[in-house]
Amino acid sequence: QVQLVESGGGLVQPGGSLRLSCEASGLIFSIYTMGWYRQAPGKPREFVARISSSGRPSYADSVNGRFTISRDNAKNTVYLQMNGLKPEDTAVYYCTTNNDWGQGTQVTVSS
């Protein structure tokens, strides 16, 4: 079955950076659009970024210009480079194929 395993979350100060990774297994990774979503406490899950099978990215307005999504098909991995982090970026970040979801990784932005 499909497994998505996120890593790279943690505690970072405002203005800092983190790089999330999501390693996929059980699927032909290269043909999938991969996405990142996030969910803050008490809020619905929201779209962050996605990258098509051809490598075309798209972003939520709230992260555009600060976050970069990329993929390495040889490693079955999708990345989310997050720069200029703000307290409002605090959330659990999830990797998805839109059919399957990872377990999430916590990102906390606080001084």
C-alpha atoms as a PDB file:
ATOM      1  CA  GLN A   1       0.000   0.000   0.000  1.00  0.00           C
ATOM      2  CA  VAL A   2       0.987   3.634  -0.338  1.00  0.00           C
ATOM      3  CA  GLN A   3       3.043   5.062   2.509  1.00  0.00           C
ATOM      4  CA  LEU A   4       4.031   8.683   2.929  1.00  0.00           C
ATOM      5  CA  VAL A   5       6.495   9.541   5.680  1.00  0.00           C
ATOM      6  CA  GLU A   6       7.174  13.185   6.517  1.00  0.00           C
ATOM      7  CA  SER A   7      10.205  14.460   8.390  1.00  0.00           C
ATOM      8  CA  GLY A   8      12.049  17.693   9.074  1.00  0.00           C
ATOM      9  CA  GLY A   9       9.640  19.532  11.321  1.00  0.00           C
ATOM     10  CA  GLY A  10      10.658  21.247  14.518  1.00  0.00           C
ATOM     11  CA  LEU A  11      10.829  24.471  16.486  1.00  0.00           C
ATOM     12  CA  VAL A  12      12.252  27.521  14.730  1.00  0.00           C
ATOM     13  CA  GLN A  13      12.365  31.226  15.469  1.00  0.00           C
ATOM     14  CA  PRO A  14      10.467  33.724  13.316  1.00  0.00           C
ATOM     15  CA  GLY A  15      12.396  34.436  10.151  1.00  0.00           C
ATOM     16  CA  GLY A  16      14.056  31.047  10.240  1.00  0.00           C
ATOM     17  CA  SER A  17      13.987  28.170   7.792  1.00  0.00           C
ATOM     18  CA  LEU A  18      13.081  24.504   7.737  1.00  0.00           C
ATOM     19  CA  ARG A  19      13.107  21.851   5.032  1.00  0.00           C
ATOM     20  CA  LEU A  20      10.423  19.201   5.141  1.00  0.00           C
ATOM     21  CA  SER A  21      10.791  15.888   3.355  1.00  0.00           C
ATOM     22  CA  CYS A  22       8.211  13.297   2.390  1.00  0.00           C
ATOM     23  CA  GLU A  23       9.385   9.883   1.274  1.00  0.00           C
ATOM     24  CA  ALA A  24       6.828   7.836  -0.638  1.00  0.00           C
ATOM     25  CA  SER A  25       6.584   4.101  -1.188  1.00  0.00           C
ATOM     26  CA  GLY A  26       4.095   1.717  -2.736  1.00  0.00           C
ATOM     27  CA  LEU A  27       3.403   3.857  -5.779  1.00  0.00           C
ATOM     28  CA  ILE A  28       4.920   4.930  -9.081  1.00  0.00           C
ATOM     29  CA  PHE A  29       6.026   8.214  -7.577  1.00  0.00           C
ATOM     30  CA  SER A  30       7.036   9.941 -10.788  1.00  0.00           C
ATOM     31  CA  ILE A  31       3.517   9.998 -12.225  1.00  0.00           C
ATOM     32  CA  TYR A  32       1.867  11.576  -9.173  1.00  0.00           C
ATOM     33  CA  THR A  33       1.176  15.187  -8.380  1.00  0.00           C
ATOM     34  CA  MET A  34       2.383  15.599  -4.804  1.00  0.00           C
ATOM     35  CA  GLY A  35       1.103  18.144  -2.341  1.00  0.00           C
ATOM     36  CA  TRP A  36       1.685  19.679   1.058  1.00  0.00           C
ATOM     37  CA  TYR A  37      -1.154  20.750   3.331  1.00  0.00           C
ATOM     38  CA  ARG A  38      -1.141  22.039   6.878  1.00  0.00           C
ATOM     39  CA  GLN A  39      -3.502  22.186   9.819  1.00  0.00           C
ATOM     40  CA  ALA A  40      -3.194  24.597  12.704  1.00  0.00           C
ATOM     41  CA  PRO A  41      -4.983  23.965  16.014  1.00  0.00           C
ATOM     42  CA  GLY A  42      -8.685  24.690  15.720  1.00  0.00           C
ATOM     43  CA  LYS A  43      -8.497  25.353  11.994  1.00  0.00           C
ATOM     44  CA  PRO A  44      -9.330  23.268   8.926  1.00  0.00           C
ATOM     45  CA  ARG A  45      -6.614  21.659   6.875  1.00  0.00           C
ATOM     46  CA  GLU A  46      -5.408  24.026   4.153  1.00  0.00           C
ATOM     47  CA  PHE A  47      -3.473  23.763   0.925  1.00  0.00           C
ATOM     48  CA  VAL A  48       0.157  24.881   0.995  1.00  0.00           C
ATOM     49  CA  ALA A  49       1.805  23.767  -2.239  1.00  0.00           C
ATOM     50  CA  ARG A  50       1.775  21.098  -4.918  1.00  0.00           C
ATOM     51  CA  ILE A  51       4.069  19.940  -7.655  1.00  0.00           C
ATOM     52  CA  SER A  52       2.935  18.153 -10.789  1.00  0.00           C
ATOM     53  CA  SER A  53       4.521  15.061 -12.256  1.00  0.00           C
ATOM     54  CA  SER A  54       6.301  17.347 -14.728  1.00  0.00           C
ATOM     55  CA  GLY A  55       7.652  19.510 -11.915  1.00  0.00           C
ATOM     56  CA  ARG A  56       5.303  22.483 -12.198  1.00  0.00           C
ATOM     57  CA  PRO A  57       4.723  24.036  -8.774  1.00  0.00           C
ATOM     58  CA  SER A  58       1.798  25.975  -7.369  1.00  0.00           C
ATOM     59  CA  TYR A  59       1.446  27.714  -4.014  1.00  0.00           C
ATOM     60  CA  ALA A  60      -1.064  29.155  -1.633  1.00  0.00           C
ATOM     61  CA  ASP A  61      -0.944  32.944  -1.594  1.00  0.00           C
ATOM     62  CA  SER A  62       0.066  32.887   2.077  1.00  0.00           C
ATOM     63  CA  VAL A  63       3.358  31.088   1.331  1.00  0.00           C
ATOM     64  CA  ASN A  64       4.142  32.183  -2.228  1.00  0.00           C
ATOM     65  CA  GLY A  65       7.632  33.660  -2.373  1.00  0.00           C
ATOM     66  CA  ARG A  66       8.678  32.100   0.940  1.00  0.00           C
ATOM     67  CA  PHE A  67       8.181  28.365   0.384  1.00  0.00           C
ATOM     68  CA  THR A  68       9.558  26.208  -2.436  1.00  0.00           C
ATOM     69  CA  ILE A  69       8.310  22.745  -3.321  1.00  0.00           C
ATOM     70  CA  SER A  70      10.529  20.328  -5.221  1.00  0.00           C
ATOM     71  CA  ARG A  71      10.774  16.629  -5.952  1.00  0.00           C
ATOM     72  CA  ASP A  72      13.429  13.999  -6.533  1.00  0.00           C
ATOM     73  CA  ASN A  73      11.887  11.124  -8.445  1.00  0.00           C
ATOM     74  CA  ALA A  74      15.010   8.997  -8.026  1.00  0.00           C
ATOM     75  CA  LYS A  75      14.489   9.164  -4.260  1.00  0.00           C
ATOM     76  CA  ASN A  76      10.658   9.053  -4.300  1.00  0.00           C
ATOM     77  CA  THR A  77      10.771  12.201  -2.213  1.00  0.00           C
ATOM     78  CA  VAL A  78       9.062  15.576  -2.252  1.00  0.00           C
ATOM     79  CA  TYR A  79      10.470  18.525  -0.335  1.00  0.00           C
ATOM     80  CA  LEU A  80       9.145  21.765   1.075  1.00  0.00           C
ATOM     81  CA  GLN A  81      11.763  24.431   1.725  1.00  0.00           C
ATOM     82  CA  MET A  82      10.292  27.004   4.075  1.00  0.00           C
ATOM     83  CA  ASN A  83      12.046  30.348   4.484  1.00  0.00           C
ATOM     84  CA  GLY A  84      10.985  33.472   6.290  1.00  0.00           C
ATOM     85  CA  LEU A  85       8.837  31.494   8.678  1.00  0.00           C
ATOM     86  CA  LYS A  86       6.147  33.307  10.638  1.00  0.00           C
ATOM     87  CA  PRO A  87       4.254  32.322  13.789  1.00  0.00           C
ATOM     88  CA  GLU A  88       1.153  31.834  11.636  1.00  0.00           C
ATOM     89  CA  ASP A  89       2.975  29.047   9.773  1.00  0.00           C
ATOM     90  CA  THR A  90       2.764  26.949  12.941  1.00  0.00           C
ATOM     91  CA  ALA A  91       0.866  23.776  12.062  1.00  0.00           C
ATOM     92  CA  VAL A  92       1.109  20.083  11.391  1.00  0.00           C
ATOM     93  CA  TYR A  93       2.288  19.671   7.805  1.00  0.00           C
ATOM     94  CA  TYR A  94       1.028  16.754   5.746  1.00  0.00           C
ATOM     95  CA  CYS A  95       2.221  15.228   2.506  1.00  0.00           C
ATOM     96  CA  THR A  96      -0.395  13.884   0.137  1.00  0.00           C
ATOM     97  CA  THR A  97      -1.077  12.307  -3.221  1.00  0.00           C
ATOM     98  CA  ASN A  98      -4.672  13.573  -2.761  1.00  0.00           C
ATOM     99  CA  ASN A  99      -5.704   9.974  -2.157  1.00  0.00           C
ATOM    100  CA  ASP A 100      -3.221   9.117   0.582  1.00  0.00           C
ATOM    101  CA  TRP A 101      -1.845  11.145   3.466  1.00  0.00           C
ATOM    102  CA  GLY A 102       1.199  10.971   5.676  1.00  0.00           C
ATOM    103  CA  GLN A 103       1.079  11.150   9.459  1.00  0.00           C
ATOM    104  CA  GLY A 104       2.244  14.755   9.507  1.00  0.00           C
ATOM    105  CA  THR A 105       5.184  16.615  10.987  1.00  0.00           C
ATOM    106  CA  GLN A 106       4.878  19.460  13.492  1.00  0.00           C
ATOM    107  CA  VAL A 107       6.271  22.879  12.620  1.00  0.00           C
ATOM    108  CA  THR A 108       6.331  25.456  15.399  1.00  0.00           C
ATOM    109  CA  VAL A 109       7.470  29.018  14.775  1.00  0.00           C
ATOM    110  CA  SER A 110       8.044  30.852  18.021  1.00  0.00           C
ATOM    111  CA  SER A 111      10.562  33.033  19.778  1.00  0.00           C
END
